Amino acid sequence: MAASDRSRHRGPGVPAGRMMASEQQSVLEPDVPDVPVGPGPVPRPTPAARLVAALRARRRWLVPALVVLLLAQMAAAMVTTAVQQTPTTDEPVYVATAVDYLHEHRIRYNPEHPPLGKLVIMAGLAVADPHYDPSYKGNQGQVGRHLLYASGNDPWRVMLWARLPMIVLTLLFGLVAFAFARDILGRTAGLLALTLYAFSPDVIAHGSLATLDVPSAGFVLASAWLVWRARRRPRLYLPLAGAALGASVATKMSALPAIPVLAALAVVSVWGARPGRALRALAAAAVVAVTAVAVVWLSYLAVDPRLRFLPAEPVPAVHGLRGALVDLMPFPRAYRDGMRVQFALEDLPWQGYLFGHLYTGSRWYYLPAALLVKTPLGMLALWAAGAVAVVTVRRLRPAAPYVLVPPAVLLASAMTGSRDFGTRYAVFMPMFLAVGGASVLALRRRWARPAAGALVLFVAVSSLRTFPLYLPYSNEAFGGPAKTHLRLHDSNVDWGQDLGRLADRLKERYPGERIWLVYKGSGVPAYYGIHAADPRKVPAGKVHGLLVVSDSWVAKARGELAELIHSSRPVDDVGHSITIYRR
């Protein structure tokens, strides 16, 4: 067919200077003779035709198979971790609150965090159906311990069912990372992004817990991806983006800075698709913001359609500019009072620990420094190269605001906080920068793809070596998981997760010995068969036998506890989070 004939058959939607997809395909594939239509025997396909068909069938299944393989290994890592770890410091609070939602349909405990994440936890607890005593009096931490250890429930079973919905949600966010990178740069980039996501120690560690950091960050990632897709179909994707953003804000209040960012990106998406339509662009921002606010209201209504707020503890008063801003927020009363609780928590004199230095207050550089320690070296290199590629490669520049601005704003906001407790406050970084790191494939350098492959392999090996102890992970430059406690504390290393492992170790190696325990966490040692005394409550001269100390307490040890530790000999460690000394 002549060029003029082809242009007539394209129709008005295809420019004359471009080939249609079918024509492009014919250029890339070998010619296969047409099979004649009509009576008579059908000729057998030629070897070339069979080869092409086999390659196309294999290519069709290769990407889905790799996606399933990556998610399967991540699921195996998270489920193994969830099965082996005892409750971390925050989990009993969220579990008890979720059970209270399930049975009492009220907002009473943990108002400093909105309900959506705990509603997700509740989905698993509805299957476990733990016994719950709503008449028990106590603060939210006491209620959580009572539910797990004093109500006739099996804490191992309850915690596993509480964690499983979060594991599923974490895997779904991996598909979002894959789709985001695929939309920007193709399926290979999608696989690279998913690989970085699936081997991130921080994502695995916190995605296997019944906590709120991963779901909040993942919903922001989903919202950014949907706003990116709204460049072509705004009516479909902008409401979905607003819903995902609302889900993040309805899980953790720390996601609030993402609202103006993603509303602005909605303007960019609509304006870029149809320049000059200012009202339409502003309407796009309004759709995202209003939908997000609506989702927050719906999360509270899902708990209690009457919106009762019956706080178990007094709500602190917040005055000045902060109090005025809280009053202006278009959210339910319980949300605004939860924000007051958050402000009160920010005003407390928290202790931080960084590179062996204990301090009161916060350090603005804490999170970047902690990320440097707890991120695989190959991943750090790919993050940096990918960020450069997104900014410098012309065809990727439109994606740069969507991939880089949300995590940058959220990180800047988190760096102003007063609680230097761990990289979980910045878990959105490995999620977004998995997509950004995949952009390294756009670099037109001969070494780019082999180097990216080598770095990905390095990431996978580093991650697999720490299995199943993901919480205390640190990279090889800082000595690996066994040395993390020398540089960081709290949820970076020791969040109470190894009480069960400690019980097994004491039973196997130190049966019958006197145990002195200083434990950080929400678990009850006696439930696991650990019968120990607190060495801080007796004179140091009476402390003989085994001194067992959580590494977060080692980091913060001063006075009598520091003297006990310094005059003891370390003989063992459990999970790289608890040290056993002999006196």
Protein backbone atom coordinates (compact mmCIF):
# COMPACT_ATOMS: atom_id res chain seq x y z
CA MET A 1 0.00 0.00 0.00
CA ALA A 2 1.36 3.43 -0.91
CA ALA A 3 2.12 6.02 1.77
CA SER A 4 -0.82 8.17 0.67
CA ASP A 5 -3.16 5.16 0.88
CA ARG A 6 -1.95 4.33 4.37
CA SER A 7 -2.52 7.89 5.55
CA ARG A 8 -6.12 7.74 4.29
CA HIS A 9 -6.73 4.50 6.18
CA ARG A 10 -5.30 5.82 9.46
CA GLY A 11 -8.14 8.20 10.06
CA PRO A 12 -7.90 11.61 11.67
CA GLY A 13 -6.51 10.44 15.05
CA VAL A 14 -3.10 9.24 13.79
CA PRO A 15 -0.52 11.75 12.53
CA ALA A 16 0.72 11.17 9.02
CA GLY A 17 4.36 11.12 10.13
CA ARG A 18 3.91 8.10 12.47
CA MET A 19 3.33 4.43 11.88
CA MET A 20 0.51 2.69 13.58
CA ALA A 21 1.33 0.11 16.27
CA SER A 22 0.74 -2.77 13.86
CA GLU A 23 3.11 -1.21 11.31
CA GLN A 24 5.78 -0.63 13.96
CA GLN A 25 5.48 -4.25 15.02
CA SER A 26 5.96 -5.43 11.47
CA VAL A 27 9.25 -3.56 11.31
CA LEU A 28 10.57 -5.27 14.45
CA GLU A 29 9.49 -8.83 13.70
CA PRO A 30 10.45 -11.14 10.81
CA ASP A 31 7.98 -11.49 8.03
CA VAL A 32 5.67 -14.48 8.42
CA PRO A 33 3.89 -15.61 5.26
CA ASP A 34 0.15 -15.09 5.33
CA VAL A 35 -1.90 -18.23 5.73
CA PRO A 36 -4.25 -18.54 2.75
CA VAL A 37 -7.94 -18.56 3.58
CA GLY A 38 -10.21 -21.02 1.88
CA PRO A 39 -10.60 -24.71 1.31
CA GLY A 40 -7.68 -27.05 1.28
CA PRO A 41 -5.06 -28.13 3.82
CA VAL A 42 -3.64 -25.49 6.19
CA PRO A 43 0.15 -25.24 5.72
CA ARG A 44 2.33 -25.94 8.73
CA PRO A 45 3.98 -22.86 10.31
CA THR A 46 7.55 -22.26 9.30
CA PRO A 47 10.31 -22.60 11.92
CA ALA A 48 10.65 -18.80 11.98
CA ALA A 49 6.96 -18.42 12.71
CA ARG A 50 7.12 -20.98 15.50
CA LEU A 51 10.15 -19.24 17.04
CA VAL A 52 8.43 -15.85 16.95
CA ALA A 53 5.29 -17.31 18.54
CA ALA A 54 7.31 -19.01 21.28
CA LEU A 55 9.25 -15.83 22.08
CA ARG A 56 6.10 -13.76 22.19
CA ALA A 57 4.37 -16.26 24.50
CA ARG A 58 7.40 -16.40 26.78
CA ARG A 59 7.66 -12.61 26.89
CA ARG A 60 3.97 -12.37 27.73
CA TRP A 61 4.42 -14.56 30.83
CA LEU A 62 7.92 -13.50 31.88
CA VAL A 63 7.04 -10.17 33.50
CA PRO A 64 4.04 -11.46 35.49
CA ALA A 65 6.11 -14.44 36.61
CA LEU A 66 8.92 -12.18 37.86
CA VAL A 67 6.42 -9.92 39.64
CA VAL A 68 4.90 -12.94 41.40
CA LEU A 69 8.36 -14.26 42.31
CA LEU A 70 9.49 -10.95 43.83
CA LEU A 71 6.30 -10.52 45.81
CA ALA A 72 6.40 -14.15 46.94
CA GLN A 73 9.87 -13.81 48.42
CA MET A 74 8.80 -10.57 50.12
CA ALA A 75 5.68 -12.24 51.50
CA ALA A 76 7.74 -15.16 52.80
CA ALA A 77 10.13 -12.75 54.54
CA MET A 78 7.32 -10.74 56.14
CA VAL A 79 5.24 -13.71 57.26
CA THR A 80 8.30 -15.39 58.78
CA THR A 81 9.13 -12.18 60.60
CA ALA A 82 5.54 -11.76 61.78
CA VAL A 83 5.41 -15.30 63.12
CA GLN A 84 8.68 -15.07 65.05
CA GLN A 85 8.47 -11.60 66.60
CA THR A 86 6.73 -10.75 69.86
CA PRO A 87 4.68 -7.51 70.09
CA THR A 88 6.66 -4.36 69.48
CA THR A 89 6.21 -1.28 71.64
CA ASP A 90 3.31 0.30 69.72
CA GLU A 91 1.47 -2.75 68.43
CA PRO A 92 -0.60 -3.66 71.52
CA VAL A 93 -2.04 -0.13 71.54
CA TYR A 94 -3.20 -0.41 67.93
CA VAL A 95 -4.49 -3.95 68.44
CA ALA A 96 -6.51 -3.04 71.53
CA THR A 97 -7.92 0.02 69.76
CA ALA A 98 -8.91 -2.08 66.76
CA VAL A 99 -10.63 -4.64 69.00
CA ASP A 100 -12.47 -1.81 70.76
CA TYR A 101 -13.64 -0.60 67.33
CA LEU A 102 -14.81 -4.12 66.54
CA HIS A 103 -16.80 -4.67 69.73
CA GLU A 104 -17.73 -1.23 71.05
CA HIS A 105 -17.88 0.93 67.86
CA ARG A 106 -16.41 4.01 69.52
CA ILE A 107 -13.40 6.31 69.38
CA ARG A 108 -11.83 5.95 72.81
CA TYR A 109 -8.17 4.89 72.63
CA ASN A 110 -5.24 6.17 70.58
CA PRO A 111 -6.87 9.39 69.30
CA GLU A 112 -3.47 10.70 68.18
CA HIS A 113 -3.78 8.44 65.14
CA PRO A 114 -6.90 8.39 62.92
CA PRO A 115 -8.84 5.13 62.56
CA LEU A 116 -8.19 3.81 59.05
CA GLY A 117 -4.99 1.89 59.72
CA LYS A 118 -6.52 0.33 62.80
CA LEU A 119 -9.61 -0.59 60.79
CA VAL A 120 -7.29 -2.54 58.49
CA ILE A 121 -5.83 -4.29 61.54
CA MET A 122 -9.39 -4.94 62.70
CA ALA A 123 -10.06 -6.96 59.54
CA GLY A 124 -7.58 -9.59 60.71
CA LEU A 125 -8.70 -9.43 64.32
CA ALA A 126 -12.28 -10.12 63.23
CA VAL A 127 -11.02 -13.56 62.19
CA ALA A 128 -8.99 -14.12 65.36
CA ASP A 129 -11.96 -12.90 67.48
CA PRO A 130 -10.00 -12.35 70.71
CA HIS A 131 -11.81 -12.11 74.01
CA TYR A 132 -12.14 -8.48 75.10
CA ASP A 133 -13.21 -6.91 78.39
CA PRO A 134 -14.51 -3.39 77.64
CA SER A 135 -14.90 -2.66 81.35
CA TYR A 136 -11.15 -2.88 82.00
CA LYS A 137 -9.81 0.48 83.18
CA GLY A 138 -6.41 1.74 82.16
CA ASN A 139 -4.52 3.75 79.59
CA GLN A 140 -4.16 2.51 76.04
CA GLY A 141 -0.89 0.69 76.73
CA GLN A 142 -2.32 -1.12 79.74
CA VAL A 143 -5.44 -2.09 77.77
CA GLY A 144 -3.25 -3.58 75.04
CA ARG A 145 -1.21 -5.69 77.46
CA HIS A 146 -4.37 -6.81 79.27
CA LEU A 147 -5.92 -7.91 75.97
CA LEU A 148 -2.87 -9.94 74.93
CA TYR A 149 -1.73 -11.40 78.25
CA ALA A 150 -4.54 -11.29 80.80
CA SER A 151 -7.73 -12.05 78.87
CA GLY A 152 -7.22 -15.70 78.00
CA ASN A 153 -6.00 -14.97 74.46
CA ASP A 154 -3.01 -16.45 72.64
CA PRO A 155 -0.82 -13.40 71.89
CA TRP A 156 1.03 -15.23 69.10
CA ARG A 157 -2.23 -15.93 67.27
CA VAL A 158 -3.73 -12.50 67.91
CA MET A 159 -0.62 -10.68 66.70
CA LEU A 160 -0.31 -12.81 63.57
CA TRP A 161 -3.89 -12.06 62.52
CA ALA A 162 -3.37 -8.38 63.31
CA ARG A 163 -0.25 -8.29 61.13
CA LEU A 164 -1.54 -10.24 58.12
CA PRO A 165 -3.72 -7.42 56.68
CA MET A 166 -0.71 -5.09 56.83
CA ILE A 167 1.41 -7.65 55.02
CA VAL A 168 -1.18 -7.89 52.24
CA LEU A 169 -1.37 -4.10 52.00
CA THR A 170 2.43 -3.85 51.82
CA LEU A 171 2.48 -6.31 48.91
CA LEU A 172 -0.19 -4.30 47.09
CA PHE A 173 1.91 -1.17 47.45
CA GLY A 174 4.70 -3.11 45.75
CA LEU A 175 2.40 -3.45 42.74
CA VAL A 176 1.88 0.32 42.86
CA ALA A 177 5.66 0.88 42.73
CA PHE A 178 5.87 -1.51 39.77
CA ALA A 179 3.02 0.21 37.91
CA PHE A 180 4.37 3.70 38.62
CA ALA A 181 7.82 2.92 37.20
CA ARG A 182 6.34 0.96 34.30
CA ASP A 183 4.16 3.91 33.32
CA ILE A 184 7.19 6.21 33.33
CA LEU A 185 9.80 4.04 31.63
CA GLY A 186 8.43 0.60 30.72
CA ARG A 187 8.19 -2.90 32.15
CA THR A 188 11.90 -3.37 32.81
CA ALA A 189 11.92 -0.24 34.95
CA GLY A 190 8.82 -1.54 36.71
CA LEU A 191 10.62 -4.76 37.59
CA LEU A 192 13.65 -2.85 38.85
CA ALA A 193 11.44 -0.66 41.05
CA LEU A 194 9.63 -3.69 42.44
CA THR A 195 12.96 -5.39 43.16
CA LEU A 196 14.21 -2.40 45.14
CA TYR A 197 10.91 -2.24 47.01
CA ALA A 198 10.72 -5.98 47.71
CA PHE A 199 14.25 -6.14 49.13
CA SER A 200 14.08 -2.96 51.24
CA PRO A 201 14.82 -4.03 54.84
CA ASP A 202 12.83 -1.11 56.25
CA VAL A 203 9.75 -1.88 54.17
CA ILE A 204 9.92 -5.58 55.07
CA ALA A 205 10.52 -4.85 58.76
CA HIS A 206 7.66 -2.41 59.23
CA GLY A 207 5.36 -3.95 56.64
CA SER A 208 5.28 -7.11 58.75
CA LEU A 209 4.02 -5.28 61.85
CA ALA A 210 0.55 -4.13 62.89
CA THR A 211 1.66 -0.50 62.81
CA LEU A 212 0.74 2.56 60.75
CA ASP A 213 3.92 3.81 59.07
CA VAL A 214 3.90 1.61 55.96
CA PRO A 215 0.18 1.99 55.12
CA SER A 216 0.32 5.78 55.46
CA ALA A 217 3.40 6.01 53.22
CA GLY A 218 2.03 3.51 50.70
CA PHE A 219 -1.21 5.42 50.26
CA VAL A 220 0.78 8.58 49.48
CA LEU A 221 2.72 6.61 46.85
CA ALA A 222 -0.54 5.37 45.35
CA SER A 223 -1.93 8.90 45.29
CA ALA A 224 1.14 10.26 43.48
CA TRP A 225 0.91 7.48 40.88
CA LEU A 226 -2.79 8.14 40.30
CA VAL A 227 -2.19 11.89 39.93
CA TRP A 228 0.49 11.04 37.35
CA ARG A 229 -2.03 8.90 35.44
CA ALA A 230 -4.55 11.74 35.64
CA ARG A 231 -2.55 13.55 32.97
CA ARG A 232 -4.47 11.46 30.43
CA ARG A 233 -7.74 10.61 32.20
CA PRO A 234 -8.33 13.18 34.94
CA ARG A 235 -12.00 12.37 35.52
CA LEU A 236 -11.14 8.79 36.42
CA TYR A 237 -7.88 9.16 38.30
CA LEU A 238 -8.20 12.42 40.25
CA PRO A 239 -10.98 11.14 42.56
CA LEU A 240 -9.02 7.92 43.07
CA ALA A 241 -5.91 9.95 43.88
CA GLY A 242 -7.88 11.97 46.42
CA ALA A 243 -9.22 8.77 47.98
CA ALA A 244 -5.70 7.32 48.32
CA LEU A 245 -4.43 10.60 49.80
CA GLY A 246 -7.35 10.65 52.23
CA ALA A 247 -6.54 7.07 53.23
CA SER A 248 -3.00 8.17 54.12
CA VAL A 249 -4.19 11.15 56.17
CA ALA A 250 -6.82 8.93 57.81
CA THR A 251 -4.02 6.59 58.91
CA LYS A 252 -1.38 9.02 60.22
CA MET A 253 -1.53 12.78 60.72
CA SER A 254 2.07 13.12 59.60
CA ALA A 255 0.76 12.71 56.02
CA LEU A 256 -1.05 16.09 56.17
CA PRO A 257 1.76 17.94 54.31
CA ALA A 258 1.08 15.67 51.32
CA ILE A 259 -2.35 17.27 50.74
CA PRO A 260 -1.09 20.59 49.29
CA VAL A 261 1.68 18.79 47.41
CA LEU A 262 -0.62 16.37 45.61
CA ALA A 263 -3.27 19.03 45.06
CA ALA A 264 -0.59 21.10 43.31
CA LEU A 265 0.49 18.08 41.26
CA ALA A 266 -3.14 17.62 40.21
CA VAL A 267 -3.01 21.17 38.84
CA VAL A 268 0.20 20.27 36.98
CA SER A 269 -1.41 17.16 35.50
CA VAL A 270 -4.51 18.92 34.21
CA TRP A 271 -2.70 22.07 33.07
CA GLY A 272 -0.10 20.00 31.23
CA ALA A 273 -2.80 18.07 29.40
CA ARG A 274 -4.86 21.16 28.52
CA PRO A 275 -2.85 24.38 28.93
CA GLY A 276 -4.76 27.59 29.44
CA ARG A 277 -7.68 26.12 31.37
CA ALA A 278 -7.01 27.58 34.79
CA LEU A 279 -10.45 26.88 36.22
CA ARG A 280 -10.24 23.23 35.23
CA ALA A 281 -6.80 22.94 36.85
CA LEU A 282 -8.01 24.53 40.08
CA ALA A 283 -11.02 22.23 40.06
CA ALA A 284 -8.62 19.27 39.84
CA ALA A 285 -6.87 20.42 43.03
CA ALA A 286 -10.22 20.84 44.74
CA VAL A 287 -11.32 17.33 43.74
CA VAL A 288 -8.19 15.80 45.27
CA ALA A 289 -8.38 17.84 48.49
CA VAL A 290 -12.14 17.49 49.03
CA THR A 291 -12.05 13.75 48.35
CA ALA A 292 -9.21 13.35 50.83
CA VAL A 293 -11.16 15.19 53.52
CA ALA A 294 -14.25 13.08 52.77
CA VAL A 295 -12.27 9.85 53.24
CA VAL A 296 -11.09 11.03 56.65
CA TRP A 297 -14.71 11.65 57.70
CA LEU A 298 -15.74 8.25 56.33
CA SER A 299 -13.05 6.49 58.35
CA TYR A 300 -14.50 7.92 61.57
CA LEU A 301 -18.06 7.18 60.49
CA ALA A 302 -17.05 3.58 59.81
CA VAL A 303 -16.13 3.22 63.48
CA ASP A 304 -19.15 5.06 64.88
CA PRO A 305 -21.88 6.62 62.69
CA ARG A 306 -22.72 8.89 65.66
CA LEU A 307 -19.11 10.16 65.83
CA ARG A 308 -18.89 9.74 69.60
CA PHE A 309 -15.54 10.64 71.08
CA LEU A 310 -15.03 9.25 74.58
CA PRO A 311 -11.29 9.67 75.29
CA ALA A 312 -9.86 7.36 77.94
CA GLU A 313 -7.35 10.06 78.90
CA PRO A 314 -7.68 13.86 79.04
CA VAL A 315 -7.03 15.75 75.82
CA PRO A 316 -4.37 18.44 76.38
CA ALA A 317 -5.16 22.05 75.62
CA VAL A 318 -3.24 23.66 72.77
CA HIS A 319 -3.11 27.46 72.59
CA GLY A 320 -1.69 30.07 70.27
CA LEU A 321 -1.28 29.66 66.54
CA ARG A 322 -1.26 25.87 66.71
CA GLY A 323 -4.53 25.80 68.59
CA ALA A 324 -6.14 28.19 66.10
CA LEU A 325 -4.98 26.06 63.16
CA VAL A 326 -6.36 22.91 64.75
CA ASP A 327 -9.75 24.57 65.21
CA LEU A 328 -9.82 25.46 61.50
CA MET A 329 -9.17 21.92 60.29
CA PRO A 330 -12.17 20.48 58.37
CA PHE A 331 -12.07 17.17 60.22
CA PRO A 332 -14.12 15.48 62.96
CA ARG A 333 -13.63 16.57 66.55
CA ALA A 334 -11.78 13.34 67.37
CA TYR A 335 -9.24 14.08 64.63
CA ARG A 336 -8.67 17.63 65.88
CA ASP A 337 -8.30 16.44 69.47
CA GLY A 338 -5.88 13.79 68.24
CA MET A 339 -3.85 16.57 66.68
CA ARG A 340 -3.76 18.29 70.07
CA VAL A 341 -2.39 15.09 71.59
CA GLN A 342 0.29 15.01 68.87
CA PHE A 343 1.33 18.59 69.63
CA ALA A 344 1.57 17.73 73.34
CA LEU A 345 3.77 14.72 72.51
CA GLU A 346 6.01 16.92 70.39
CA ASP A 347 6.57 19.18 73.39
CA LEU A 348 7.93 16.38 75.61
CA PRO A 349 11.73 16.12 76.21
CA TRP A 350 12.40 12.92 74.24
CA GLN A 351 15.85 11.33 74.18
CA GLY A 352 17.63 10.55 70.93
CA TYR A 353 20.69 8.43 70.18
CA LEU A 354 22.86 8.82 67.10
CA PHE A 355 26.36 7.46 66.41
CA GLY A 356 26.94 6.70 70.10
CA HIS A 357 25.77 10.09 71.36
CA LEU A 358 22.76 10.33 73.70
CA TYR A 359 20.95 13.66 73.67
CA THR A 360 17.68 15.27 74.74
CA GLY A 361 15.60 16.88 72.03
CA SER A 362 16.06 16.26 68.33
CA ARG A 363 18.63 16.74 65.61
CA TRP A 364 17.45 18.02 62.23
CA TYR A 365 19.84 15.67 60.41
CA TYR A 366 18.79 12.57 62.35
CA LEU A 367 16.60 10.97 59.67
CA PRO A 368 19.05 11.47 56.76
CA ALA A 369 21.84 10.04 58.93
CA ALA A 370 19.70 7.08 60.04
CA LEU A 371 18.69 6.38 56.43
CA LEU A 372 22.37 6.38 55.49
CA VAL A 373 22.97 3.64 58.07
CA LYS A 374 19.87 1.52 57.44
CA THR A 375 19.62 1.56 53.64
CA PRO A 376 21.56 -1.02 51.56
CA LEU A 377 24.57 0.56 49.87
CA GLY A 378 23.49 -0.53 46.40
CA MET A 379 20.08 1.00 47.01
CA LEU A 380 21.63 4.32 48.05
CA ALA A 381 23.64 4.36 44.82
CA LEU A 382 20.58 3.61 42.69
CA TRP A 383 18.54 6.25 44.50
CA ALA A 384 21.16 8.87 43.72
CA ALA A 385 21.65 7.81 40.09
CA GLY A 386 17.91 7.51 39.52
CA ALA A 387 17.22 10.96 40.96
CA VAL A 388 19.86 12.41 38.64
CA ALA A 389 18.30 10.59 35.69
CA VAL A 390 14.78 11.82 36.48
CA VAL A 391 16.01 15.40 36.55
CA THR A 392 18.45 15.34 33.63
CA VAL A 393 16.91 13.01 31.04
CA ARG A 394 14.48 15.08 29.04
CA ARG A 395 11.79 12.46 28.56
CA LEU A 396 11.73 11.76 32.32
CA ARG A 397 11.53 15.36 33.52
CA PRO A 398 7.71 15.47 33.50
CA ALA A 399 7.75 12.66 36.10
CA ALA A 400 10.28 14.35 38.40
CA PRO A 401 7.76 16.35 40.50
CA TYR A 402 5.59 13.26 41.06
CA VAL A 403 8.48 11.00 42.08
CA LEU A 404 10.75 13.38 43.99
CA VAL A 405 8.67 16.21 45.48
CA PRO A 406 6.27 14.24 47.75
CA PRO A 407 9.03 12.33 49.59
CA ALA A 408 11.17 15.47 49.80
CA VAL A 409 8.35 17.46 51.43
CA LEU A 410 7.42 14.62 53.79
CA LEU A 411 11.07 14.14 54.77
CA ALA A 412 11.50 17.87 55.43
CA SER A 413 8.38 17.79 57.61
CA ALA A 414 9.52 14.68 59.51
CA MET A 415 12.93 16.27 60.14
CA THR A 416 11.25 19.01 62.18
CA GLY A 417 9.74 16.49 64.62
CA SER A 418 11.00 16.02 68.16
CA ARG A 419 10.98 12.20 68.20
CA ASP A 420 14.22 10.74 66.82
CA PHE A 421 13.00 7.17 67.08
CA GLY A 422 13.69 5.56 63.73
CA THR A 423 13.57 5.46 59.96
CA ARG A 424 9.97 4.26 60.15
CA TYR A 425 9.10 7.97 60.16
CA ALA A 426 10.64 8.14 56.68
CA VAL A 427 9.60 4.75 55.26
CA PHE A 428 8.13 6.61 52.27
CA MET A 429 11.71 7.13 51.06
CA PRO A 430 12.41 3.52 49.98
CA MET A 431 8.92 3.39 48.43
CA PHE A 432 9.18 6.50 46.26
CA LEU A 433 12.87 6.14 45.52
CA ALA A 434 12.36 2.58 44.34
CA VAL A 435 10.49 4.23 41.47
CA GLY A 436 13.13 6.94 41.17
CA GLY A 437 15.98 4.44 41.27
CA ALA A 438 14.48 2.52 38.35
CA SER A 439 14.94 5.62 36.21
CA VAL A 440 18.66 4.83 36.03
CA LEU A 441 17.75 2.64 33.04
CA ALA A 442 17.15 5.82 31.02
CA LEU A 443 20.81 6.85 31.23
CA ARG A 444 22.41 6.46 27.81
CA ARG A 445 25.68 5.03 29.01
CA ARG A 446 27.14 1.67 28.08
CA TRP A 447 27.82 0.86 31.71
CA ALA A 448 24.43 1.94 33.07
CA ARG A 449 22.51 -1.34 32.77
CA PRO A 450 25.33 -3.68 33.88
CA ALA A 451 26.04 -1.40 36.84
CA ALA A 452 22.36 -1.27 37.76
CA GLY A 453 22.19 -5.07 37.62
CA ALA A 454 25.25 -5.43 39.87
CA LEU A 455 23.85 -2.93 42.39
CA VAL A 456 20.47 -4.69 42.46
CA LEU A 457 22.23 -7.99 43.14
CA PHE A 458 24.19 -6.33 45.95
CA VAL A 459 20.91 -5.03 47.44
CA ALA A 460 19.29 -8.48 47.28
CA VAL A 461 22.26 -10.22 48.92
CA SER A 462 22.50 -7.60 51.67
CA SER A 463 18.78 -7.89 52.39
CA LEU A 464 18.71 -11.69 52.34
CA ARG A 465 21.67 -11.92 54.71
CA THR A 466 19.73 -10.16 57.47
CA PHE A 467 16.73 -12.53 57.22
CA PRO A 468 14.69 -12.73 59.43
CA LEU A 469 16.12 -9.94 61.62
CA TYR A 470 15.09 -6.94 59.52
CA LEU A 471 14.44 -4.35 62.26
CA PRO A 472 18.11 -4.05 63.34
CA TYR A 473 19.43 -4.00 59.76
CA SER A 474 22.29 -1.68 58.86
CA ASN A 475 24.44 -1.79 55.76
CA GLU A 476 27.96 -3.16 55.43
CA ALA A 477 29.64 0.24 55.72
CA PHE A 478 28.35 0.49 59.30
CA GLY A 479 29.09 -3.07 60.33
CA GLY A 480 25.81 -4.80 59.52
CA PRO A 481 22.92 -5.68 61.88
CA ALA A 482 25.19 -6.75 64.74
CA LYS A 483 26.59 -3.21 65.03
CA THR A 484 23.45 -1.13 64.54
CA HIS A 485 22.92 -0.71 68.30
CA LEU A 486 26.21 1.19 68.50
CA ARG A 487 24.81 3.94 66.28
CA LEU A 488 21.02 3.96 66.62
CA HIS A 489 18.31 2.88 69.06
CA ASP A 490 14.56 2.35 69.47
CA SER A 491 12.68 1.09 66.39
CA ASN A 492 15.91 1.12 64.37
CA VAL A 493 17.19 -1.77 66.45
CA ASP A 494 15.24 -2.77 69.52
CA TRP A 495 11.48 -2.32 69.66
CA GLY A 496 10.68 -5.18 72.01
CA GLN A 497 10.42 -7.70 69.17
CA ASP A 498 12.76 -10.37 70.55
CA LEU A 499 11.23 -11.29 73.90
CA GLY A 500 10.21 -14.72 72.56
CA ARG A 501 13.69 -15.33 71.15
CA LEU A 502 15.17 -14.33 74.51
CA ALA A 503 12.99 -16.90 76.30
CA ASP A 504 14.18 -19.64 73.92
CA ARG A 505 17.83 -18.62 74.34
CA LEU A 506 17.67 -18.61 78.14
CA LYS A 507 16.00 -22.01 78.17
CA GLU A 508 18.50 -23.56 75.74
CA ARG A 509 21.78 -22.11 77.00
CA TYR A 510 21.24 -20.82 80.54
CA PRO A 511 18.70 -23.08 82.30
CA GLY A 512 18.26 -22.47 86.01
CA GLU A 513 20.39 -19.31 86.18
CA ARG A 514 19.32 -16.14 88.00
CA ILE A 515 18.06 -13.55 85.53
CA TRP A 516 18.10 -9.76 85.93
CA LEU A 517 16.20 -8.04 83.14
CA VAL A 518 15.90 -4.48 81.83
CA TYR A 519 13.52 -4.83 78.90
CA LYS A 520 12.15 -2.23 76.49
CA GLY A 521 8.84 -3.20 74.95
CA SER A 522 5.20 -4.02 75.57
CA GLY A 523 5.57 -7.75 76.07
CA VAL A 524 5.14 -9.43 79.45
CA PRO A 525 8.31 -11.48 80.16
CA ALA A 526 6.61 -13.86 82.61
CA TYR A 527 4.17 -15.00 79.92
CA TYR A 528 7.13 -16.36 77.91
CA GLY A 529 8.64 -18.11 80.92
CA ILE A 530 11.18 -15.40 81.78
CA HIS A 531 11.16 -14.97 85.55
CA ALA A 532 13.47 -12.06 86.23
CA ALA A 533 13.99 -9.15 88.61
CA ASP A 534 14.82 -5.52 87.85
CA PRO A 535 18.48 -4.87 88.80
CA ARG A 536 17.78 -1.15 89.23
CA LYS A 537 15.67 -1.85 92.32
CA VAL A 538 18.36 -3.52 94.43
CA PRO A 539 21.92 -2.61 95.41
CA ALA A 540 24.45 -3.39 92.69
CA GLY A 541 26.28 -5.81 94.98
CA LYS A 542 23.27 -8.15 94.97
CA VAL A 543 23.10 -8.43 91.19
CA HIS A 544 24.75 -11.76 90.33
CA GLY A 545 24.07 -14.14 87.46
CA LEU A 546 22.84 -13.02 84.03
CA LEU A 547 22.14 -9.35 83.36
CA VAL A 548 19.87 -9.06 80.28
CA VAL A 549 19.42 -5.56 78.83
CA SER A 550 17.56 -4.34 75.75
CA ASP A 551 20.00 -2.47 73.52
CA SER A 552 17.90 0.71 73.63
CA TRP A 553 18.41 0.74 77.41
CA VAL A 554 22.12 0.08 76.89
CA ALA A 555 22.26 3.14 74.64
CA LYS A 556 20.51 5.29 77.25
CA ALA A 557 22.19 3.78 80.31
CA ARG A 558 23.32 6.27 82.93
CA GLY A 559 24.08 6.06 86.63
CA GLU A 560 23.54 2.70 88.33
CA LEU A 561 22.53 0.82 85.17
CA ALA A 562 25.62 2.08 83.33
CA GLU A 563 27.82 0.91 86.22
CA LEU A 564 26.17 -2.51 86.18
CA ILE A 565 26.77 -2.86 82.43
CA HIS A 566 30.36 -1.65 82.57
CA SER A 567 31.19 -4.06 85.40
CA SER A 568 29.68 -7.03 83.55
CA ARG A 569 30.98 -9.21 80.74
CA PRO A 570 28.91 -9.52 77.52
CA VAL A 571 28.43 -13.20 76.66
CA ASP A 572 25.58 -13.32 74.14
CA ASP A 573 23.17 -11.30 72.05
CA VAL A 574 19.61 -12.09 70.98
CA GLY A 575 18.33 -10.88 67.62
CA HIS A 576 20.91 -8.07 67.60
CA SER A 577 18.54 -6.21 69.93
CA ILE A 578 19.14 -7.67 73.43
CA THR A 579 22.55 -8.19 75.08
CA ILE A 580 23.22 -10.81 77.76
CA TYR A 581 25.95 -10.04 80.32
CA ARG A 582 27.41 -12.24 83.05
CA ARG A 583 28.09 -10.91 86.54
